[in-house]
C-alpha atoms as a PDB file:
ATOM      1  CA  MET A   1      97.242 133.732  39.157  1.00  0.00           C
ATOM      2  CA  LYS A   2     100.108 136.315  40.421  1.00  0.00           C
ATOM      3  CA  LYS A   3     103.593 135.203  40.148  1.00  0.00           C
ATOM      4  CA  LEU A   4     106.025 136.226  42.822  1.00  0.00           C
ATOM      5  CA  PHE A   5     109.555 136.636  42.703  1.00  0.00           C
ATOM      6  CA  LEU A   6     111.747 136.916  45.803  1.00  0.00           C
ATOM      7  CA  ILE A   7     115.116 139.018  45.860  1.00  0.00           C
ATOM      8  CA  ILE A   8     117.354 138.070  48.495  1.00  0.00           C
ATOM      9  CA  GLY A   9     120.791 139.225  49.017  1.00  0.00           C
ATOM     10  CA  ALA A  10     123.172 140.766  52.137  1.00  0.00           C
ATOM     11  CA  PRO A  11     122.377 144.380  53.367  1.00  0.00           C
ATOM     12  CA  GLY A  12     124.103 146.560  50.467  1.00  0.00           C
ATOM     13  CA  SER A  13     123.720 143.664  47.652  1.00  0.00           C
ATOM     14  CA  GLY A  14     121.956 145.996  45.674  1.00  0.00           C
ATOM     15  CA  LYS A  15     118.546 144.085  45.773  1.00  0.00           C
ATOM     16  CA  THR A  16     116.014 146.925  46.221  1.00  0.00           C
ATOM     17  CA  THR A  17     117.952 148.990  43.835  1.00  0.00           C
ATOM     18  CA  ASP A  18     117.986 146.281  41.084  1.00  0.00           C
ATOM     19  CA  ALA A  19     114.094 145.452  41.618  1.00  0.00           C
ATOM     20  CA  SER A  20     113.146 148.853  41.386  1.00  0.00           C
ATOM     21  CA  ILE A  21     114.780 149.583  38.156  1.00  0.00           C
ATOM     22  CA  ILE A  22     113.305 146.591  36.520  1.00  0.00           C
ATOM     23  CA  ALA A  23     109.849 147.666  37.663  1.00  0.00           C
ATOM     24  CA  GLN A  24     110.267 151.222  36.506  1.00  0.00           C
ATOM     25  CA  ASN A  25     111.228 149.824  33.081  1.00  0.00           C
ATOM     26  CA  ASP A  26     108.820 147.435  32.582  1.00  0.00           C
ATOM     27  CA  LYS A  27     105.450 147.947  34.069  1.00  0.00           C
ATOM     28  CA  THR A  28     104.170 144.579  34.200  1.00  0.00           C
ATOM     29  CA  TYR A  29     105.960 144.224  37.415  1.00  0.00           C
ATOM     30  CA  ALA A  30     105.222 145.687  40.915  1.00  0.00           C
ATOM     31  CA  HIS A  31     108.044 145.944  43.460  1.00  0.00           C
ATOM     32  CA  TYR A  32     107.766 146.041  47.047  1.00  0.00           C
ATOM     33  CA  SER A  33     110.850 146.061  49.198  1.00  0.00           C
ATOM     34  CA  THR A  34     110.041 144.676  52.604  1.00  0.00           C
ATOM     35  CA  GLY A  35     112.319 147.085  54.467  1.00  0.00           C
ATOM     36  CA  ASP A  36     109.965 150.258  52.689  1.00  0.00           C
ATOM     37  CA  LEU A  37     106.916 148.378  53.530  1.00  0.00           C
ATOM     38  CA  LEU A  38     107.882 148.404  57.099  1.00  0.00           C
ATOM     39  CA  ARG A  39     109.646 151.558  57.050  1.00  0.00           C
ATOM     40  CA  ALA A  40     106.363 153.187  55.658  1.00  0.00           C
ATOM     41  CA  GLU A  41     104.330 151.754  58.416  1.00  0.00           C
ATOM     42  CA  VAL A  42     106.910 153.592  60.990  1.00  0.00           C
ATOM     43  CA  ALA A  43     106.482 156.922  59.270  1.00  0.00           C
ATOM     44  CA  LYS A  44     102.863 156.684  59.959  1.00  0.00           C
ATOM     45  CA  GLY A  45     103.825 157.089  63.378  1.00  0.00           C
ATOM     46  CA  SER A  46     100.989 154.149  64.468  1.00  0.00           C
ATOM     47  CA  ASP A  47     101.277 152.021  67.341  1.00  0.00           C
ATOM     48  CA  LEU A  48     102.403 149.166  64.971  1.00  0.00           C
ATOM     49  CA  GLY A  49     105.162 151.473  63.313  1.00  0.00           C
ATOM     50  CA  LYS A  50     106.706 152.253  66.959  1.00  0.00           C
ATOM     51  CA  LEU A  51     106.672 148.387  67.576  1.00  0.00           C
ATOM     52  CA  ILE A  52     108.551 147.837  64.077  1.00  0.00           C
ATOM     53  CA  ASP A  53     111.088 150.732  64.374  1.00  0.00           C
ATOM     54  CA  SER A  54     112.079 149.058  68.036  1.00  0.00           C
ATOM     55  CA  PHE A  55     113.421 145.955  66.114  1.00  0.00           C
ATOM     56  CA  ILE A  56     114.656 148.169  63.047  1.00  0.00           C
ATOM     57  CA  SER A  57     116.380 150.797  64.644  1.00  0.00           C
ATOM     58  CA  LYS A  58     118.789 147.848  66.423  1.00  0.00           C
ATOM     59  CA  GLY A  59     118.904 145.768  63.078  1.00  0.00           C
ATOM     60  CA  ASN A  60     116.881 143.335  64.213  1.00  0.00           C
ATOM     61  CA  LEU A  61     114.144 141.276  62.668  1.00  0.00           C
ATOM     62  CA  VAL A  62     110.441 142.136  63.203  1.00  0.00           C
ATOM     63  CA  PRO A  63     107.978 139.551  64.240  1.00  0.00           C
ATOM     64  CA  LEU A  64     106.903 137.486  61.804  1.00  0.00           C
ATOM     65  CA  ASP A  65     103.155 137.714  61.895  1.00  0.00           C
ATOM     66  CA  VAL A  66     103.679 141.605  61.079  1.00  0.00           C
ATOM     67  CA  VAL A  67     105.913 140.801  58.329  1.00  0.00           C
ATOM     68  CA  VAL A  68     103.753 138.428  56.470  1.00  0.00           C
ATOM     69  CA  ASN A  69     100.897 140.084  57.012  1.00  0.00           C
ATOM     70  CA  THR A  70     102.369 143.237  55.245  1.00  0.00           C
ATOM     71  CA  ILE A  71     103.608 141.005  52.564  1.00  0.00           C
ATOM     72  CA  VAL A  72     100.510 139.204  51.555  1.00  0.00           C
ATOM     73  CA  SER A  73      98.394 142.456  51.942  1.00  0.00           C
ATOM     74  CA  ALA A  74     100.807 143.898  49.766  1.00  0.00           C
ATOM     75  CA  ILE A  75     100.678 140.956  47.037  1.00  0.00           C
ATOM     76  CA  LYS A  76      96.829 140.732  47.077  1.00  0.00           C
ATOM     77  CA  SER A  77      96.363 144.708  46.864  1.00  0.00           C
ATOM     78  CA  SER A  78      98.750 144.776  43.966  1.00  0.00           C
ATOM     79  CA  ASP A  79      97.232 145.388  40.402  1.00  0.00           C
ATOM     80  CA  LYS A  80      99.821 143.789  38.757  1.00  0.00           C
ATOM     81  CA  ASP A  81     100.151 139.837  38.287  1.00  0.00           C
ATOM     82  CA  LEU A  82     104.177 139.794  38.345  1.00  0.00           C
ATOM     83  CA  ILE A  83     105.496 140.736  41.973  1.00  0.00           C
ATOM     84  CA  LEU A  84     108.893 141.462  42.882  1.00  0.00           C
ATOM     85  CA  ILE A  85     109.501 141.309  46.739  1.00  0.00           C
ATOM     86  CA  ASP A  86     113.127 141.943  47.820  1.00  0.00           C
ATOM     87  CA  GLY A  87     114.371 141.558  51.404  1.00  0.00           C
ATOM     88  CA  TYR A  88     112.262 138.504  52.422  1.00  0.00           C
ATOM     89  CA  PRO A  89     112.911 135.986  53.822  1.00  0.00           C
ATOM     90  CA  ARG A  90     115.431 136.594  56.386  1.00  0.00           C
ATOM     91  CA  SER A  91     115.078 133.862  58.541  1.00  0.00           C
ATOM     92  CA  VAL A  92     113.950 130.299  58.129  1.00  0.00           C
ATOM     93  CA  GLU A  93     110.794 131.026  60.140  1.00  0.00           C
ATOM     94  CA  GLN A  94     109.700 133.873  57.709  1.00  0.00           C
ATOM     95  CA  MET A  95     110.589 131.299  54.626  1.00  0.00           C
ATOM     96  CA  THR A  96     108.503 128.577  56.308  1.00  0.00           C
ATOM     97  CA  GLU A  97     105.631 130.635  57.559  1.00  0.00           C
ATOM     98  CA  LEU A  98     105.586 132.308  53.500  1.00  0.00           C
ATOM     99  CA  ASP A  99     105.557 128.738  52.235  1.00  0.00           C
ATOM    100  CA  LYS A 100     102.548 127.857  54.225  1.00  0.00           C
ATOM    101  CA  VAL A 101     100.902 130.961  53.185  1.00  0.00           C
ATOM    102  CA  LEU A 102     101.766 130.343  49.653  1.00  0.00           C
ATOM    103  CA  VAL A 103     100.363 126.703  49.760  1.00  0.00           C
ATOM    104  CA  ALA A 104      97.302 127.601  50.989  1.00  0.00           C
ATOM    105  CA  ASN A 105      96.648 130.064  48.475  1.00  0.00           C
ATOM    106  CA  ASP A 106      95.900 129.178  44.631  1.00  0.00           C
ATOM    107  CA  ASP A 107      96.155 132.828  43.682  1.00  0.00           C
ATOM    108  CA  VAL A 108      99.631 133.202  43.995  1.00  0.00           C
ATOM    109  CA  GLU A 109     102.715 130.836  43.115  1.00  0.00           C
ATOM    110  CA  LEU A 110     106.351 131.353  43.825  1.00  0.00           C
ATOM    111  CA  ALA A 111     107.889 131.417  40.585  1.00  0.00           C
ATOM    112  CA  GLY A 112     111.672 132.061  41.661  1.00  0.00           C
ATOM    113  CA  VAL A 113     114.157 133.227  44.423  1.00  0.00           C
ATOM    114  CA  ILE A 114     117.124 135.592  43.117  1.00  0.00           C
ATOM    115  CA  GLU A 115     119.815 136.008  45.251  1.00  0.00           C
ATOM    116  CA  VAL A 116     122.253 139.056  44.289  1.00  0.00           C
ATOM    117  CA  ASP A 117     125.546 137.606  45.616  1.00  0.00           C
ATOM    118  CA  VAL A 118     128.107 140.130  47.038  1.00  0.00           C
ATOM    119  CA  SER A 119     131.003 139.694  49.607  1.00  0.00           C
ATOM    120  CA  GLU A 120     130.751 141.036  53.038  1.00  0.00           C
ATOM    121  CA  ASP A 121     133.467 143.374  52.178  1.00  0.00           C
ATOM    122  CA  THR A 122     131.318 144.898  49.381  1.00  0.00           C
ATOM    123  CA  ALA A 123     128.434 144.993  51.228  1.00  0.00           C
ATOM    124  CA  ARG A 124     129.860 147.015  54.094  1.00  0.00           C
ATOM    125  CA  ALA A 125     131.698 149.345  51.704  1.00  0.00           C
ATOM    126  CA  ARG A 126     127.717 150.071  50.485  1.00  0.00           C
ATOM    127  CA  VAL A 127     126.107 150.211  53.369  1.00  0.00           C
ATOM    128  CA  LEU A 128     128.591 152.495  55.231  1.00  0.00           C
ATOM    129  CA  GLY A 129     129.184 154.632  52.103  1.00  0.00           C
ATOM    130  CA  ARG A 130     125.303 155.410  51.633  1.00  0.00           C
ATOM    131  CA  ALA A 131     124.742 156.378  55.131  1.00  0.00           C
ATOM    132  CA  ARG A 132     121.153 156.573  54.864  1.00  0.00           C
ATOM    133  CA  GLY A 133     120.267 156.871  58.466  1.00  0.00           C
ATOM    134  CA  ALA A 134     121.166 156.033  62.061  1.00  0.00           C
ATOM    135  CA  ASP A 135     121.170 152.444  61.252  1.00  0.00           C
ATOM    136  CA  ASP A 136     123.869 152.544  58.649  1.00  0.00           C
ATOM    137  CA  ASN A 137     126.674 152.177  60.962  1.00  0.00           C
ATOM    138  CA  ASN A 138     129.341 149.736  61.436  1.00  0.00           C
ATOM    139  CA  GLU A 139     127.663 147.972  64.773  1.00  0.00           C
ATOM    140  CA  VAL A 140     124.175 147.896  63.125  1.00  0.00           C
ATOM    141  CA  PHE A 141     125.820 146.770  59.908  1.00  0.00           C
ATOM    142  CA  ASN A 142     127.447 143.812  61.707  1.00  0.00           C
ATOM    143  CA  ASN A 143     124.344 142.558  63.355  1.00  0.00           C
ATOM    144  CA  ARG A 144     122.547 143.279  60.249  1.00  0.00           C
ATOM    145  CA  MET A 145     125.292 140.825  58.134  1.00  0.00           C
ATOM    146  CA  LYS A 146     124.830 138.290  61.187  1.00  0.00           C
ATOM    147  CA  VAL A 147     121.424 138.271  60.889  1.00  0.00           C
ATOM    148  CA  TYR A 148     121.653 137.744  56.970  1.00  0.00           C
ATOM    149  CA  LEU A 149     124.309 134.774  57.327  1.00  0.00           C
ATOM    150  CA  ASP A 150     122.962 133.031  60.114  1.00  0.00           C
ATOM    151  CA  PRO A 151     119.954 131.166  57.971  1.00  0.00           C
ATOM    152  CA  ILE A 152     121.260 131.788  54.211  1.00  0.00           C
ATOM    153  CA  GLU A 153     122.391 128.336  53.984  1.00  0.00           C
ATOM    154  CA  ALA A 154     118.890 127.231  55.208  1.00  0.00           C
ATOM    155  CA  ILE A 155     117.226 128.963  52.895  1.00  0.00           C
ATOM    156  CA  ARG A 156     119.294 128.401  49.970  1.00  0.00           C
ATOM    157  CA  GLY A 157     119.174 124.798  50.501  1.00  0.00           C
ATOM    158  CA  PHE A 158     114.959 125.038  51.168  1.00  0.00           C
ATOM    159  CA  TYR A 159     114.630 126.744  47.683  1.00  0.00           C
ATOM    160  CA  GLY A 160     117.726 125.020  45.964  1.00  0.00           C
ATOM    161  CA  GLU A 161     115.438 121.724  46.684  1.00  0.00           C
ATOM    162  CA  LYS A 162     112.346 123.093  45.116  1.00  0.00           C
ATOM    163  CA  GLY A 163     114.224 124.204  42.114  1.00  0.00           C
ATOM    164  CA  LEU A 164     113.228 128.153  42.975  1.00  0.00           C
ATOM    165  CA  LEU A 165     116.809 129.351  43.752  1.00  0.00           C
ATOM    166  CA  HIS A 166     118.952 131.537  41.398  1.00  0.00           C
ATOM    167  CA  ARG A 167     122.022 133.394  42.231  1.00  0.00           C
ATOM    168  CA  ILE A 168     123.397 136.767  40.391  1.00  0.00           C
ATOM    169  CA  ASN A 169     126.694 137.755  40.874  1.00  0.00           C
ATOM    170  CA  GLY A 170     126.248 141.590  42.666  1.00  0.00           C
ATOM    171  CA  GLU A 171     129.649 142.406  42.438  1.00  0.00           C
ATOM    172  CA  ARG A 172     129.259 143.958  38.869  1.00  0.00           C
ATOM    173  CA  THR A 173     127.982 147.234  37.594  1.00  0.00           C
ATOM    174  CA  ILE A 174     124.016 147.990  38.130  1.00  0.00           C
ATOM    175  CA  GLU A 175     123.406 147.904  34.272  1.00  0.00           C
ATOM    176  CA  GLU A 176     124.998 144.016  34.133  1.00  0.00           C
ATOM    177  CA  ILE A 177     122.947 142.930  37.024  1.00  0.00           C
ATOM    178  CA  VAL A 178     119.933 144.421  36.260  1.00  0.00           C
ATOM    179  CA  ALA A 179     120.289 142.713  32.764  1.00  0.00           C
ATOM    180  CA  ASP A 180     121.015 139.467  34.309  1.00  0.00           C
ATOM    181  CA  MET A 181     118.077 139.693  36.600  1.00  0.00           C
ATOM    182  CA  LYS A 182     115.439 141.041  33.845  1.00  0.00           C
ATOM    183  CA  ASN A 183     116.700 137.769  31.623  1.00  0.00           C
ATOM    184  CA  LEU A 184     116.092 135.174  34.486  1.00  0.00           C
ATOM    185  CA  LEU A 185     113.080 136.537  35.392  1.00  0.00           C
ATOM    186  CA  SER A 186     111.624 136.792  31.618  1.00  0.00           C
ATOM    187  CA  ASN A 187     112.750 132.988  31.820  1.00  0.00           C
ATOM    188  CA  LEU A 188     110.972 132.416  34.637  1.00  0.00           C
ATOM    189  CA  LYS A 189     107.620 133.934  34.076  1.00  0.00           C
END
């Protein structure tokens, strides 16, 4: 059975960096960033990629069915049994849909949800400081932060009631955060 770990956090929280370091250093984990999976489709220039880009470029959520299908496909095609997916869920609908899919699937167990917790000021400084592309500007950041904050209490409540939610202080060094996350993952698997 595959064990799934969701890594959530504000834009700029470091969730992708943290998860990728863990997967690079421990080959028993596969790491997928929801954003990277979607951006890879955009880079293909396909019709689906163009549709995805029309949402991403404005900082909006990609339609639910597209995201869930992308994630499930990545999990099922992985050669690893421990899966880290960051950046998901970002809405109550995404959370609910994934939960339905996982309940119906005996091959994958959600073993934990880890939130990398940072202040909005830290998140803004990190995102605007990295300026990777056209979507890293103040206006898009404000929208992305709102998209993150609006459902976060419901997401925390849902996974908290199931005993799956774990929060890590993301205001520290990458080394400290990764060490905490790795320790937590070891205890959860």
